[in-house]
Amino acid sequence: MREVKSFAYSLSQAEDGWRWCVYDEDGVTVADGANPNQAAAQAAVEHTLRRAGADLDARA
């Protein structure tokens, strides 16, 4: 049976654009970054979440 893993993220406005961070269910940072605008930061978060899900599928 495949283990279901949960992720959370934060997205915040910074002086130079938008910062984002993705965490696993233990609160460990999986990925983080900065982008010039909110849409790009949100896209980066979604890409990271899809990639993390695909990595879990590949291990199952």
C-alpha atoms as a PDB file:
ATOM      1  CA  MET A   1       0.000   0.000   0.000  1.00  0.00           C
ATOM      2  CA  ARG A   2       1.283   3.458  -0.871  1.00  0.00           C
ATOM      3  CA  GLU A   3       2.013   5.881   1.947  1.00  0.00           C
ATOM      4  CA  VAL A   4       0.206   9.216   1.620  1.00  0.00           C
ATOM      5  CA  LYS A   5       2.478  12.128   2.464  1.00  0.00           C
ATOM      6  CA  SER A   6       1.224  15.623   3.165  1.00  0.00           C
ATOM      7  CA  PHE A   7       2.903  18.898   2.327  1.00  0.00           C
ATOM      8  CA  ALA A   8       2.289  22.509   3.316  1.00  0.00           C
ATOM      9  CA  TYR A   9       3.621  25.751   1.924  1.00  0.00           C
ATOM     10  CA  SER A  10       4.044  29.380   2.773  1.00  0.00           C
ATOM     11  CA  LEU A  11       3.961  32.267   0.335  1.00  0.00           C
ATOM     12  CA  SER A  12       4.875  35.752   1.500  1.00  0.00           C
ATOM     13  CA  GLN A  13       5.559  39.115  -0.014  1.00  0.00           C
ATOM     14  CA  ALA A  14       9.119  40.333   0.439  1.00  0.00           C
ATOM     15  CA  GLU A  15      10.858  43.571  -0.409  1.00  0.00           C
ATOM     16  CA  ASP A  16      12.285  42.099  -3.616  1.00  0.00           C
ATOM     17  CA  GLY A  17       9.250  40.027  -4.710  1.00  0.00           C
ATOM     18  CA  TRP A  18       7.669  36.879  -3.257  1.00  0.00           C
ATOM     19  CA  ARG A  19       9.282  34.165  -1.143  1.00  0.00           C
ATOM     20  CA  TRP A  20       7.924  30.652  -0.865  1.00  0.00           C
ATOM     21  CA  CYS A  21       8.706  27.499   1.083  1.00  0.00           C
ATOM     22  CA  VAL A  22       7.323  23.944   0.908  1.00  0.00           C
ATOM     23  CA  TYR A  23       7.373  21.768   4.046  1.00  0.00           C
ATOM     24  CA  ASP A  24       6.777  18.072   4.583  1.00  0.00           C
ATOM     25  CA  GLU A  25       4.463  16.793   7.308  1.00  0.00           C
ATOM     26  CA  ASP A  26       7.324  16.819   9.823  1.00  0.00           C
ATOM     27  CA  GLY A  27       7.913  20.531   9.216  1.00  0.00           C
ATOM     28  CA  VAL A  28      11.137  19.944   7.294  1.00  0.00           C
ATOM     29  CA  THR A  29      11.748  22.317   4.380  1.00  0.00           C
ATOM     30  CA  VAL A  30      11.510  20.412   1.089  1.00  0.00           C
ATOM     31  CA  ALA A  31      12.192  23.418  -1.158  1.00  0.00           C
ATOM     32  CA  ASP A  32      12.191  27.198  -1.064  1.00  0.00           C
ATOM     33  CA  GLY A  33      12.812  30.111  -3.343  1.00  0.00           C
ATOM     34  CA  ALA A  34      11.958  33.625  -4.417  1.00  0.00           C
ATOM     35  CA  ASN A  35      10.251  35.005  -7.492  1.00  0.00           C
ATOM     36  CA  PRO A  36       9.609  38.527  -8.779  1.00  0.00           C
ATOM     37  CA  ASN A  37       5.809  38.244  -8.636  1.00  0.00           C
ATOM     38  CA  GLN A  38       3.096  36.278  -6.849  1.00  0.00           C
ATOM     39  CA  ALA A  39       2.001  34.289  -9.900  1.00  0.00           C
ATOM     40  CA  ALA A  40       5.537  33.013 -10.524  1.00  0.00           C
ATOM     41  CA  ALA A  41       5.965  32.118  -6.851  1.00  0.00           C
ATOM     42  CA  GLN A  42       2.651  30.227  -6.808  1.00  0.00           C
ATOM     43  CA  ALA A  43       3.645  28.374 -10.002  1.00  0.00           C
ATOM     44  CA  ALA A  44       6.956  27.384  -8.389  1.00  0.00           C
ATOM     45  CA  VAL A  45       5.118  26.039  -5.338  1.00  0.00           C
ATOM     46  CA  GLU A  46       2.706  24.033  -7.499  1.00  0.00           C
ATOM     47  CA  HIS A  47       5.592  22.633  -9.558  1.00  0.00           C
ATOM     48  CA  THR A  48       7.383  21.595  -6.368  1.00  0.00           C
ATOM     49  CA  LEU A  49       4.263  19.900  -4.995  1.00  0.00           C
ATOM     50  CA  ARG A  50       3.707  17.998  -8.269  1.00  0.00           C
ATOM     51  CA  ARG A  51       7.361  16.939  -8.353  1.00  0.00           C
ATOM     52  CA  ALA A  52       7.233  15.782  -4.725  1.00  0.00           C
ATOM     53  CA  GLY A  53       4.114  13.749  -5.498  1.00  0.00           C
ATOM     54  CA  ALA A  54       5.752  12.203  -8.562  1.00  0.00           C
ATOM     55  CA  ASP A  55       8.836  11.301  -6.536  1.00  0.00           C
ATOM     56  CA  LEU A  56       6.633   9.486  -4.020  1.00  0.00           C
ATOM     57  CA  ASP A  57       4.808   7.649  -6.824  1.00  0.00           C
ATOM     58  CA  ALA A  58       8.111   6.513  -8.314  1.00  0.00           C
ATOM     59  CA  ARG A  59       9.163   5.012  -4.980  1.00  0.00           C
ATOM     60  CA  ALA A  60       5.887   3.116  -4.469  1.00  0.00           C
END
